[in-house]
Each structure stands twice: as C-alpha cells, then as structure tokens.
Amino acid sequence: MTSHAIFFCIMAPFLYALNGVLLKKGSSTIPPFASIAVSMLILFLVSSVLSWTTERGFSWSYSEHRAGFNALFAVGFVNTAAFWCLLKAYEEVPVWVYQMFTLLTPLFSAILAYYILGEIFGPKMFLGLAIVGLGLFIAVS
C-alpha cells in the first residue's frame, strides 16, 4: 500500500469522526431533515465547484453514463435514510457509541458487495469481522 493510500485511509475516517461530532453539535437544535438539507447543500455546492474546476473533461450526459447516474441516484436516497438514522441515533447515544457501531460497516459492505458487485472475500475477512464484533460487544455492553 502506498503512502498516499495510507494517508487517505486514515484521513477519511478521521474526517468522518469529526463530521459525527459536528453533526451532533449542529443538529442539537435543528430537526433531522433540516440538518441533512443544510449539510448536503454545502456538500453539493463545494463538490459542484470542484467538479467544474478539476474535472473539465467529464461529460454530464445522462445517456452516456446512465448506469453510473442511476446508481448515484440510489445513493442519494440511501444516504438520506442513513443520515436520518445517524441523527436519530445521536439523539439517543453518545457519538462514540454510534461510531462503535460503524465498525459493522465492513461486514455489511462485504455482504452487499458480494451480492451486488460479485466481489469475493476470504477467511481472513471473517476472522477480522469476528474480532471487530467481539470488540464492539465488549465496548458497548
């Protein structure tokens, strides 16, 4: 694994952890769907500017990228539901408890990637997930 890959693999979870803390703080007085709308508006604006300035060769033609756009439309709906669940969880538990449950993401990702993408995973994955599951059980029980 390259140093760039390691950097991004560390920074993404760090930034998502920061996101969690900021979301709990920001949504404490703002209802869930309004919180989603505000944060996604900023995401839309920033990513649009970055796309228009750094990806100039990309064609926004739906017919040219139909499968990709359809998958991303589904991502929008799934993200809305996931975001709502996250904000509702923050009403009930501390941020760190919710973040511990995100350790289930590799398990769900592996199962979904197997069925949707045909990706294959081996015994090491199951062993790693068992260790993560045990750690999650110990931490929240």
Protein backbone atom coordinates (compact mmCIF):
# COMPACT_ATOMS: atom_id res chain seq x y z
CA MET A 1 0.00 0.00 0.00
CA THR A 2 1.40 3.40 -0.97
CA SER A 3 1.90 6.27 1.47
CA HIS A 4 -0.83 8.18 -0.40
CA ALA A 5 -3.28 5.32 0.12
CA ILE A 6 -2.41 5.13 3.82
CA PHE A 7 -2.88 8.90 4.17
CA PHE A 8 -6.35 8.79 2.59
CA CYS A 9 -7.33 5.65 4.53
CA ILE A 10 -6.50 7.45 7.79
CA MET A 11 -7.86 10.88 6.88
CA ALA A 12 -11.27 9.68 5.67
CA PRO A 13 -12.28 8.04 8.97
CA PHE A 14 -10.76 10.95 10.92
CA LEU A 15 -12.82 13.45 8.93
CA TYR A 16 -15.96 11.30 9.24
CA ALA A 17 -15.35 11.15 13.01
CA LEU A 18 -15.11 14.95 13.06
CA ASN A 19 -18.29 15.04 10.98
CA GLY A 20 -20.05 12.97 13.61
CA VAL A 21 -19.11 15.35 16.40
CA LEU A 22 -20.06 18.42 14.34
CA LEU A 23 -23.35 16.82 13.27
CA LYS A 24 -24.36 16.08 16.83
CA LYS A 25 -23.49 19.65 17.85
CA GLY A 26 -25.21 21.21 14.83
CA SER A 27 -28.34 19.09 14.92
CA SER A 28 -29.00 19.55 18.63
CA THR A 29 -31.42 22.42 17.89
CA ILE A 30 -32.17 21.75 14.21
CA PRO A 31 -34.55 18.93 13.12
CA PRO A 32 -33.04 15.95 11.26
CA PHE A 33 -34.21 16.70 7.71
CA ALA A 34 -33.24 20.37 8.00
CA SER A 35 -29.80 19.24 9.24
CA ILE A 36 -29.50 16.93 6.24
CA ALA A 37 -30.59 19.68 3.85
CA VAL A 38 -28.11 22.25 5.16
CA SER A 39 -25.11 19.91 5.25
CA MET A 40 -25.93 18.37 1.86
CA LEU A 41 -26.41 21.83 0.32
CA ILE A 42 -22.86 22.70 1.33
CA LEU A 43 -21.64 19.33 0.05
CA PHE A 44 -23.45 19.94 -3.25
CA LEU A 45 -22.05 23.44 -3.68
CA VAL A 46 -18.45 22.57 -2.79
CA SER A 47 -18.39 19.36 -4.84
CA SER A 48 -20.02 21.11 -7.82
CA VAL A 49 -17.36 23.81 -7.86
CA LEU A 50 -14.62 21.20 -7.50
CA SER A 51 -16.08 19.09 -10.31
CA TRP A 52 -16.47 22.05 -12.66
CA THR A 53 -12.93 23.25 -12.00
CA THR A 54 -10.99 19.98 -11.83
CA GLU A 55 -12.96 17.54 -14.00
CA ARG A 56 -13.48 19.63 -17.10
CA GLY A 57 -13.30 16.65 -19.46
CA PHE A 58 -16.25 14.87 -17.81
CA SER A 59 -19.45 14.68 -19.83
CA TRP A 60 -22.60 15.18 -17.74
CA SER A 61 -24.67 13.36 -20.37
CA TYR A 62 -27.18 11.03 -18.71
CA SER A 63 -27.37 8.76 -21.75
CA GLU A 64 -23.58 8.40 -21.77
CA HIS A 65 -23.38 7.43 -18.07
CA ARG A 66 -26.87 6.00 -17.44
CA ALA A 67 -25.82 3.09 -15.17
CA GLY A 68 -23.50 5.29 -13.14
CA PHE A 69 -26.08 8.05 -12.69
CA ASN A 70 -28.80 5.54 -11.75
CA ALA A 71 -26.53 4.06 -9.07
CA LEU A 72 -25.76 7.57 -7.77
CA PHE A 73 -29.48 8.45 -7.66
CA ALA A 74 -29.94 5.38 -5.44
CA VAL A 75 -27.00 6.59 -3.33
CA GLY A 76 -28.89 9.84 -2.74
CA PHE A 77 -31.92 8.00 -1.34
CA VAL A 78 -29.83 5.57 0.71
CA ASN A 79 -27.71 8.44 2.04
CA THR A 80 -30.84 10.33 3.13
CA ALA A 81 -32.09 7.30 5.06
CA ALA A 82 -28.65 6.60 6.57
CA PHE A 83 -28.18 10.24 7.54
CA TRP A 84 -31.61 10.33 9.20
CA CYS A 85 -30.81 7.15 11.16
CA LEU A 86 -27.47 8.65 12.23
CA LEU A 87 -29.13 11.83 13.53
CA LYS A 88 -31.80 9.82 15.36
CA ALA A 89 -29.06 7.66 16.91
CA TYR A 90 -27.26 10.81 18.09
CA GLU A 91 -30.42 11.79 19.96
CA GLU A 92 -30.16 8.54 21.92
CA VAL A 93 -26.47 7.75 22.43
CA PRO A 94 -23.09 9.48 22.70
CA VAL A 95 -21.16 9.97 19.47
CA TRP A 96 -18.55 7.34 20.39
CA VAL A 97 -21.24 4.67 20.88
CA TYR A 98 -22.70 5.31 17.44
CA GLN A 99 -19.19 5.35 15.94
CA MET A 100 -18.51 1.94 17.51
CA PHE A 101 -21.48 0.57 15.57
CA THR A 102 -19.97 1.86 12.34
CA LEU A 103 -17.48 -0.97 12.82
CA LEU A 104 -20.26 -3.11 11.35
CA THR A 105 -19.76 -1.31 8.01
CA PRO A 106 -17.14 -3.79 6.69
CA LEU A 107 -19.49 -6.70 7.40
CA PHE A 108 -22.43 -5.07 5.64
CA SER A 109 -20.15 -3.89 2.81
CA ALA A 110 -18.73 -7.36 2.25
CA ILE A 111 -22.17 -8.96 2.10
CA LEU A 112 -23.61 -6.28 -0.18
CA ALA A 113 -20.50 -6.21 -2.42
CA TYR A 114 -20.74 -9.99 -2.78
CA TYR A 115 -24.38 -9.85 -3.92
CA ILE A 116 -24.34 -6.59 -5.89
CA LEU A 117 -20.80 -6.47 -7.32
CA GLY A 118 -19.78 -10.12 -7.23
CA GLU A 119 -16.74 -9.33 -5.05
CA ILE A 120 -15.16 -12.26 -3.25
CA PHE A 121 -13.72 -12.26 0.27
CA GLY A 122 -11.84 -14.94 2.15
CA PRO A 123 -11.49 -16.47 5.60
CA LYS A 124 -9.26 -13.64 6.90
CA MET A 125 -12.17 -11.26 6.40
CA PHE A 126 -14.44 -13.43 8.56
CA LEU A 127 -11.78 -13.69 11.27
CA GLY A 128 -11.26 -9.91 11.25
CA LEU A 129 -15.01 -9.29 11.41
CA ALA A 130 -15.35 -11.71 14.34
CA ILE A 131 -12.65 -9.80 16.22
CA VAL A 132 -14.38 -6.47 15.43
CA GLY A 133 -17.73 -7.91 16.54
CA LEU A 134 -16.23 -9.10 19.81
CA GLY A 135 -14.66 -5.68 20.40
CA LEU A 136 -17.96 -3.96 19.68
CA PHE A 137 -19.78 -6.27 22.11
CA ILE A 138 -17.19 -5.61 24.84
CA ALA A 139 -17.24 -1.83 24.30
CA VAL A 140 -21.00 -1.26 24.40
CA SER A 141 -22.07 -3.92 26.90
